Amino acid sequence: MSQALERAPSGLDKTSSKTSEGKAADVERLIAPAIEAMGYGIVRVQLSGGDRLRLQIMAERIVDGSMNVDDCAAISRAAAAILDVEDPIDSAYTLEVSSPGLDRPLTRLGDFDRFAGFEGRVEMALPIDGRQRFRGRLLGTRGTDVLVACEEGEVALPFADMHRAKLLLTDELIAASQRPDPGSEQAGAEENNDETS
């Protein structure tokens, strides 16, 4: 099961992740076992919006990272069934399931090895040498540090202290993609209008 987007404990491994925080982490804990049993990995769960909340579940197939409209719909149905029973959100919300897209968030330590060679942006929760934002070519991992080649040179960023990270959309990333229409699949608009009892 994925960890919340908080300072990770020591003893991280390549499966360590930062995929959700707050109420979204509660949702992830509820749905992750069923979603993973279906053959999908959760990339990120986010709860956003003001008066009308939006619950976004970003996922991909564990086997090959692919995702299509049918996959999104299957996850949406499974998640909606669990959330209807467990009712972890005390107001109305819209459920949206999507693929991570090309310029995807990097939420697992292993993502930095998987996408080594591509450009990324990392924002740290704690500053490194007075700096919190880093942009450059991902070089993979060394232990629990993420290596990034920035203009100033190579930096080692502790995964435990990361706030967020994502791939940057570049011509190189687009060319490397084998999918005809990556990131455009989305199944949403499942309404949950249950009010607090």
C-alpha atoms as a PDB file:
ATOM      1  CA  MET A   1       0.000   0.000   0.000  1.00  0.00           C
ATOM      2  CA  SER A   2       1.258   3.499  -0.792  1.00  0.00           C
ATOM      3  CA  GLN A   3       2.366   5.963   1.836  1.00  0.00           C
ATOM      4  CA  ALA A   4       0.867   9.415   2.249  1.00  0.00           C
ATOM      5  CA  LEU A   5       2.739  12.433   0.936  1.00  0.00           C
ATOM      6  CA  GLU A   6       4.596  12.999   4.167  1.00  0.00           C
ATOM      7  CA  ARG A   7       8.179  12.608   5.293  1.00  0.00           C
ATOM      8  CA  ALA A   8       8.865   8.968   4.584  1.00  0.00           C
ATOM      9  CA  PRO A   9      10.393   6.747   7.234  1.00  0.00           C
ATOM     10  CA  SER A  10      13.963   5.519   7.006  1.00  0.00           C
ATOM     11  CA  GLY A  11      14.437   2.192   5.268  1.00  0.00           C
ATOM     12  CA  LEU A  12      12.947   3.318   1.956  1.00  0.00           C
ATOM     13  CA  ASP A  13      13.046   0.963  -0.992  1.00  0.00           C
ATOM     14  CA  LYS A  14      12.224   1.304  -4.702  1.00  0.00           C
ATOM     15  CA  THR A  15       8.522   0.790  -3.973  1.00  0.00           C
ATOM     16  CA  SER A  16       8.387   3.719  -1.548  1.00  0.00           C
ATOM     17  CA  SER A  17       5.913   6.299  -2.751  1.00  0.00           C
ATOM     18  CA  LYS A  18       4.386   9.698  -2.090  1.00  0.00           C
ATOM     19  CA  THR A  19       1.069   9.535  -3.865  1.00  0.00           C
ATOM     20  CA  SER A  20      -1.434  11.344  -1.663  1.00  0.00           C
ATOM     21  CA  GLU A  21      -1.914  13.475   1.425  1.00  0.00           C
ATOM     22  CA  GLY A  22      -4.642  14.317   3.904  1.00  0.00           C
ATOM     23  CA  LYS A  23      -8.114  13.023   3.079  1.00  0.00           C
ATOM     24  CA  ALA A  24      -6.826  11.749  -0.295  1.00  0.00           C
ATOM     25  CA  ALA A  25      -4.458   9.431   1.608  1.00  0.00           C
ATOM     26  CA  ASP A  26      -7.475   7.998   3.454  1.00  0.00           C
ATOM     27  CA  VAL A  27      -9.176   7.372   0.111  1.00  0.00           C
ATOM     28  CA  GLU A  28      -6.045   5.737  -1.274  1.00  0.00           C
ATOM     29  CA  ARG A  29      -5.771   3.380   1.694  1.00  0.00           C
ATOM     30  CA  LEU A  30      -9.363   2.271   1.091  1.00  0.00           C
ATOM     31  CA  ILE A  31      -9.151   1.704  -2.667  1.00  0.00           C
ATOM     32  CA  ALA A  32      -5.515   0.636  -3.223  1.00  0.00           C
ATOM     33  CA  PRO A  33      -5.935  -3.092  -2.419  1.00  0.00           C
ATOM     34  CA  ALA A  34      -8.810  -3.481  -4.906  1.00  0.00           C
ATOM     35  CA  ILE A  35      -7.139  -1.368  -7.603  1.00  0.00           C
ATOM     36  CA  GLU A  36      -3.866  -3.279  -7.264  1.00  0.00           C
ATOM     37  CA  ALA A  37      -5.733  -6.614  -7.353  1.00  0.00           C
ATOM     38  CA  MET A  38      -7.153  -5.485 -10.711  1.00  0.00           C
ATOM     39  CA  GLY A  39      -3.602  -5.051 -12.036  1.00  0.00           C
ATOM     40  CA  TYR A  40      -3.228  -1.269 -11.684  1.00  0.00           C
ATOM     41  CA  GLY A  41      -0.895   0.928  -9.694  1.00  0.00           C
ATOM     42  CA  ILE A  42      -2.002   4.232  -8.207  1.00  0.00           C
ATOM     43  CA  VAL A  43       0.164   7.114  -9.383  1.00  0.00           C
ATOM     44  CA  ARG A  44      -1.597   9.830  -7.387  1.00  0.00           C
ATOM     45  CA  VAL A  45      -4.838  10.561  -5.531  1.00  0.00           C
ATOM     46  CA  GLN A  46      -5.849  14.208  -5.122  1.00  0.00           C
ATOM     47  CA  LEU A  47      -8.834  15.919  -3.589  1.00  0.00           C
ATOM     48  CA  SER A  48      -9.267  19.497  -4.790  1.00  0.00           C
ATOM     49  CA  GLY A  49     -11.844  22.210  -5.241  1.00  0.00           C
ATOM     50  CA  GLY A  50     -13.878  24.438  -2.990  1.00  0.00           C
ATOM     51  CA  ASP A  51     -17.648  24.125  -2.915  1.00  0.00           C
ATOM     52  CA  ARG A  52     -17.606  21.254  -5.392  1.00  0.00           C
ATOM     53  CA  LEU A  53     -14.825  18.761  -4.656  1.00  0.00           C
ATOM     54  CA  ARG A  54     -13.023  16.745  -7.318  1.00  0.00           C
ATOM     55  CA  LEU A  55     -11.442  13.419  -6.376  1.00  0.00           C
ATOM     56  CA  GLN A  56      -8.833  12.514  -8.986  1.00  0.00           C
ATOM     57  CA  ILE A  57      -7.368   9.019  -9.128  1.00  0.00           C
ATOM     58  CA  MET A  58      -4.413   8.772 -11.485  1.00  0.00           C
ATOM     59  CA  ALA A  59      -3.419   5.179 -12.271  1.00  0.00           C
ATOM     60  CA  GLU A  60      -1.682   2.915 -14.776  1.00  0.00           C
ATOM     61  CA  ARG A  61      -1.334  -0.768 -15.555  1.00  0.00           C
ATOM     62  CA  ILE A  62       1.354  -2.351 -13.381  1.00  0.00           C
ATOM     63  CA  VAL A  63       2.571  -4.550 -16.230  1.00  0.00           C
ATOM     64  CA  ASP A  64       3.369  -1.919 -18.845  1.00  0.00           C
ATOM     65  CA  GLY A  65       2.271   1.511 -17.612  1.00  0.00           C
ATOM     66  CA  SER A  66      -0.481   1.733 -20.211  1.00  0.00           C
ATOM     67  CA  MET A  67      -3.979   3.043 -19.601  1.00  0.00           C
ATOM     68  CA  ASN A  68      -7.024   3.376 -21.827  1.00  0.00           C
ATOM     69  CA  VAL A  69     -10.625   4.503 -21.499  1.00  0.00           C
ATOM     70  CA  ASP A  70     -11.828   1.015 -20.526  1.00  0.00           C
ATOM     71  CA  ASP A  71      -9.171   0.837 -17.791  1.00  0.00           C
ATOM     72  CA  CYS A  72     -10.273   4.221 -16.430  1.00  0.00           C
ATOM     73  CA  ALA A  73     -13.911   3.135 -16.436  1.00  0.00           C
ATOM     74  CA  ALA A  74     -13.106  -0.145 -14.627  1.00  0.00           C
ATOM     75  CA  ILE A  75     -11.160   1.690 -11.913  1.00  0.00           C
ATOM     76  CA  SER A  76     -13.901   4.299 -11.624  1.00  0.00           C
ATOM     77  CA  ARG A  77     -16.567   1.627 -11.048  1.00  0.00           C
ATOM     78  CA  ALA A  78     -14.458  -0.236  -8.487  1.00  0.00           C
ATOM     79  CA  ALA A  79     -13.454   2.917  -6.596  1.00  0.00           C
ATOM     80  CA  ALA A  80     -17.019   4.301  -6.609  1.00  0.00           C
ATOM     81  CA  ALA A  81     -18.376   1.049  -5.146  1.00  0.00           C
ATOM     82  CA  ILE A  82     -15.849   1.135  -2.286  1.00  0.00           C
ATOM     83  CA  LEU A  83     -16.286   4.843  -1.613  1.00  0.00           C
ATOM     84  CA  ASP A  84     -20.088   4.555  -1.595  1.00  0.00           C
ATOM     85  CA  VAL A  85     -19.828   2.002   1.205  1.00  0.00           C
ATOM     86  CA  GLU A  86     -16.959   3.542   3.196  1.00  0.00           C
ATOM     87  CA  ASP A  87     -18.023   7.188   2.650  1.00  0.00           C
ATOM     88  CA  PRO A  88     -14.670   8.798   3.599  1.00  0.00           C
ATOM     89  CA  ILE A  89     -15.547  12.225   2.135  1.00  0.00           C
ATOM     90  CA  ASP A  90     -18.249  14.105   4.025  1.00  0.00           C
ATOM     91  CA  SER A  91     -19.497  16.233   1.121  1.00  0.00           C
ATOM     92  CA  ALA A  92     -20.474  15.839  -2.534  1.00  0.00           C
ATOM     93  CA  TYR A  93     -17.642  15.281  -5.006  1.00  0.00           C
ATOM     94  CA  THR A  94     -16.959  14.300  -8.594  1.00  0.00           C
ATOM     95  CA  LEU A  95     -14.820  11.200  -9.140  1.00  0.00           C
ATOM     96  CA  GLU A  96     -12.336  11.388 -12.004  1.00  0.00           C
ATOM     97  CA  VAL A  97      -9.995   8.592 -13.090  1.00  0.00           C
ATOM     98  CA  SER A  98      -7.209   9.310 -15.560  1.00  0.00           C
ATOM     99  CA  SER A  99      -3.890   8.115 -16.891  1.00  0.00           C
ATOM    100  CA  PRO A 100      -0.772   9.928 -15.680  1.00  0.00           C
ATOM    101  CA  GLY A 101       0.005  11.356 -19.118  1.00  0.00           C
ATOM    102  CA  LEU A 102       3.457  11.998 -20.536  1.00  0.00           C
ATOM    103  CA  ASP A 103       4.414  14.824 -18.165  1.00  0.00           C
ATOM    104  CA  ARG A 104       3.439  12.613 -15.276  1.00  0.00           C
ATOM    105  CA  PRO A 105       4.046  13.103 -11.593  1.00  0.00           C
ATOM    106  CA  LEU A 106       6.932  11.036 -10.232  1.00  0.00           C
ATOM    107  CA  THR A 107       5.559   9.595  -7.005  1.00  0.00           C
ATOM    108  CA  ARG A 108       7.589   6.427  -6.434  1.00  0.00           C
ATOM    109  CA  LEU A 109      11.313   6.158  -5.818  1.00  0.00           C
ATOM    110  CA  GLY A 110      11.480   3.614  -8.657  1.00  0.00           C
ATOM    111  CA  ASP A 111       9.991   6.193 -11.078  1.00  0.00           C
ATOM    112  CA  PHE A 112      13.309   8.026 -11.086  1.00  0.00           C
ATOM    113  CA  ASP A 113      15.089   4.923 -12.390  1.00  0.00           C
ATOM    114  CA  ARG A 114      12.292   4.137 -14.835  1.00  0.00           C
ATOM    115  CA  PHE A 115      12.459   7.628 -16.355  1.00  0.00           C
ATOM    116  CA  ALA A 116      16.212   8.207 -16.059  1.00  0.00           C
ATOM    117  CA  GLY A 117      17.486  10.218 -19.017  1.00  0.00           C
ATOM    118  CA  PHE A 118      14.436  12.468 -19.256  1.00  0.00           C
ATOM    119  CA  GLU A 119      13.997  15.997 -17.977  1.00  0.00           C
ATOM    120  CA  GLY A 120      12.234  16.497 -14.683  1.00  0.00           C
ATOM    121  CA  ARG A 121      11.375  19.070 -12.062  1.00  0.00           C
ATOM    122  CA  VAL A 122      11.634  18.403  -8.328  1.00  0.00           C
ATOM    123  CA  GLU A 123      10.369  20.527  -5.459  1.00  0.00           C
ATOM    124  CA  MET A 124      11.754  19.734  -2.034  1.00  0.00           C
ATOM    125  CA  ALA A 125       9.871  20.083   1.247  1.00  0.00           C
ATOM    126  CA  LEU A 126      13.191  20.893   2.914  1.00  0.00           C
ATOM    127  CA  PRO A 127      15.808  23.070   1.167  1.00  0.00           C
ATOM    128  CA  ILE A 128      19.080  21.631  -0.079  1.00  0.00           C
ATOM    129  CA  ASP A 129      21.837  24.260   0.167  1.00  0.00           C
ATOM    130  CA  GLY A 130      19.156  26.954   0.466  1.00  0.00           C
ATOM    131  CA  ARG A 131      17.278  25.792  -2.626  1.00  0.00           C
ATOM    132  CA  GLN A 132      13.950  23.963  -2.934  1.00  0.00           C
ATOM    133  CA  ARG A 133      13.369  23.684  -6.705  1.00  0.00           C
ATOM    134  CA  PHE A 134      15.531  21.678  -9.081  1.00  0.00           C
ATOM    135  CA  ARG A 135      15.218  21.091 -12.815  1.00  0.00           C
ATOM    136  CA  GLY A 136      17.382  18.866 -14.959  1.00  0.00           C
ATOM    137  CA  ARG A 137      18.038  15.453 -16.443  1.00  0.00           C
ATOM    138  CA  LEU A 138      17.058  12.577 -14.179  1.00  0.00           C
ATOM    139  CA  LEU A 139      19.993  10.249 -13.542  1.00  0.00           C
ATOM    140  CA  GLY A 140      18.180   7.589 -11.526  1.00  0.00           C
ATOM    141  CA  THR A 141      18.701   6.801  -7.869  1.00  0.00           C
ATOM    142  CA  ARG A 142      21.528   6.036  -5.489  1.00  0.00           C
ATOM    143  CA  GLY A 143      20.136   4.389  -2.394  1.00  0.00           C
ATOM    144  CA  THR A 144      17.211   6.590  -1.360  1.00  0.00           C
ATOM    145  CA  ASP A 145      18.523   9.707  -3.116  1.00  0.00           C
ATOM    146  CA  VAL A 146      17.353  10.907  -6.504  1.00  0.00           C
ATOM    147  CA  LEU A 147      20.146  12.101  -8.791  1.00  0.00           C
ATOM    148  CA  VAL A 148      19.501  15.080 -11.060  1.00  0.00           C
ATOM    149  CA  ALA A 149      21.930  16.730 -13.494  1.00  0.00           C
ATOM    150  CA  CYS A 150      21.169  20.457 -13.193  1.00  0.00           C
ATOM    151  CA  GLU A 151      22.971  23.350 -14.907  1.00  0.00           C
ATOM    152  CA  GLU A 152      25.102  23.750 -11.782  1.00  0.00           C
ATOM    153  CA  GLY A 153      26.054  20.069 -11.731  1.00  0.00           C
ATOM    154  CA  GLU A 154      24.759  16.818 -10.294  1.00  0.00           C
ATOM    155  CA  VAL A 155      22.697  16.943  -7.106  1.00  0.00           C
ATOM    156  CA  ALA A 156      21.513  14.140  -4.834  1.00  0.00           C
ATOM    157  CA  LEU A 157      18.020  14.833  -3.488  1.00  0.00           C
ATOM    158  CA  PRO A 158      16.642  12.730  -0.616  1.00  0.00           C
ATOM    159  CA  PHE A 159      13.377  11.143  -1.721  1.00  0.00           C
ATOM    160  CA  ALA A 160      12.098  11.344   1.874  1.00  0.00           C
ATOM    161  CA  ASP A 161      12.330  15.148   1.739  1.00  0.00           C
ATOM    162  CA  MET A 162      10.636  15.621  -1.645  1.00  0.00           C
ATOM    163  CA  HIS A 163       7.391  17.530  -1.835  1.00  0.00           C
ATOM    164  CA  ARG A 164       6.594  16.795  -5.484  1.00  0.00           C
ATOM    165  CA  ALA A 165       8.255  15.858  -8.753  1.00  0.00           C
ATOM    166  CA  LYS A 166       7.201  15.444 -12.365  1.00  0.00           C
ATOM    167  CA  LEU A 167       8.499  14.778 -15.842  1.00  0.00           C
ATOM    168  CA  LEU A 168       8.766  17.743 -18.168  1.00  0.00           C
ATOM    169  CA  LEU A 169       7.168  17.506 -21.582  1.00  0.00           C
ATOM    170  CA  THR A 170      10.015  17.571 -24.092  1.00  0.00           C
ATOM    171  CA  ASP A 171      10.442  16.481 -27.703  1.00  0.00           C
ATOM    172  CA  GLU A 172      12.628  13.648 -26.424  1.00  0.00           C
ATOM    173  CA  LEU A 173       9.890  12.384 -24.102  1.00  0.00           C
ATOM    174  CA  ILE A 174       7.269  12.620 -26.850  1.00  0.00           C
ATOM    175  CA  ALA A 175       9.523  10.729 -29.283  1.00  0.00           C
ATOM    176  CA  ALA A 176      10.147   7.988 -26.721  1.00  0.00           C
ATOM    177  CA  SER A 177       6.449   7.428 -26.191  1.00  0.00           C
ATOM    178  CA  GLN A 178       5.082   4.363 -27.933  1.00  0.00           C
ATOM    179  CA  ARG A 179       1.431   5.158 -27.244  1.00  0.00           C
ATOM    180  CA  PRO A 180      -0.610   6.747 -30.031  1.00  0.00           C
ATOM    181  CA  ASP A 181      -2.610   9.041 -27.711  1.00  0.00           C
ATOM    182  CA  PRO A 182      -0.990   9.035 -24.267  1.00  0.00           C
ATOM    183  CA  GLY A 183      -2.568  10.758 -21.335  1.00  0.00           C
ATOM    184  CA  SER A 184      -5.792  11.714 -23.041  1.00  0.00           C
ATOM    185  CA  GLU A 185      -7.923   8.905 -21.673  1.00  0.00           C
ATOM    186  CA  GLN A 186     -10.178   9.949 -18.906  1.00  0.00           C
ATOM    187  CA  ALA A 187     -13.269   8.523 -17.323  1.00  0.00           C
ATOM    188  CA  GLY A 188     -14.933  10.881 -14.981  1.00  0.00           C
ATOM    189  CA  ALA A 189     -18.190  12.452 -14.139  1.00  0.00           C
ATOM    190  CA  GLU A 190     -19.200   9.848 -11.588  1.00  0.00           C
ATOM    191  CA  GLU A 191     -21.198  11.959  -9.198  1.00  0.00           C
ATOM    192  CA  ASN A 192     -21.388  11.264  -5.510  1.00  0.00           C
ATOM    193  CA  ASN A 193     -24.045  13.454  -3.963  1.00  0.00           C
ATOM    194  CA  ASP A 194     -24.218  11.847  -0.540  1.00  0.00           C
ATOM    195  CA  GLU A 195     -24.568  14.489   2.104  1.00  0.00           C
ATOM    196  CA  THR A 196     -23.248  14.163   5.622  1.00  0.00           C
ATOM    197  CA  SER A 197     -25.566  12.170   7.817  1.00  0.00           C
END
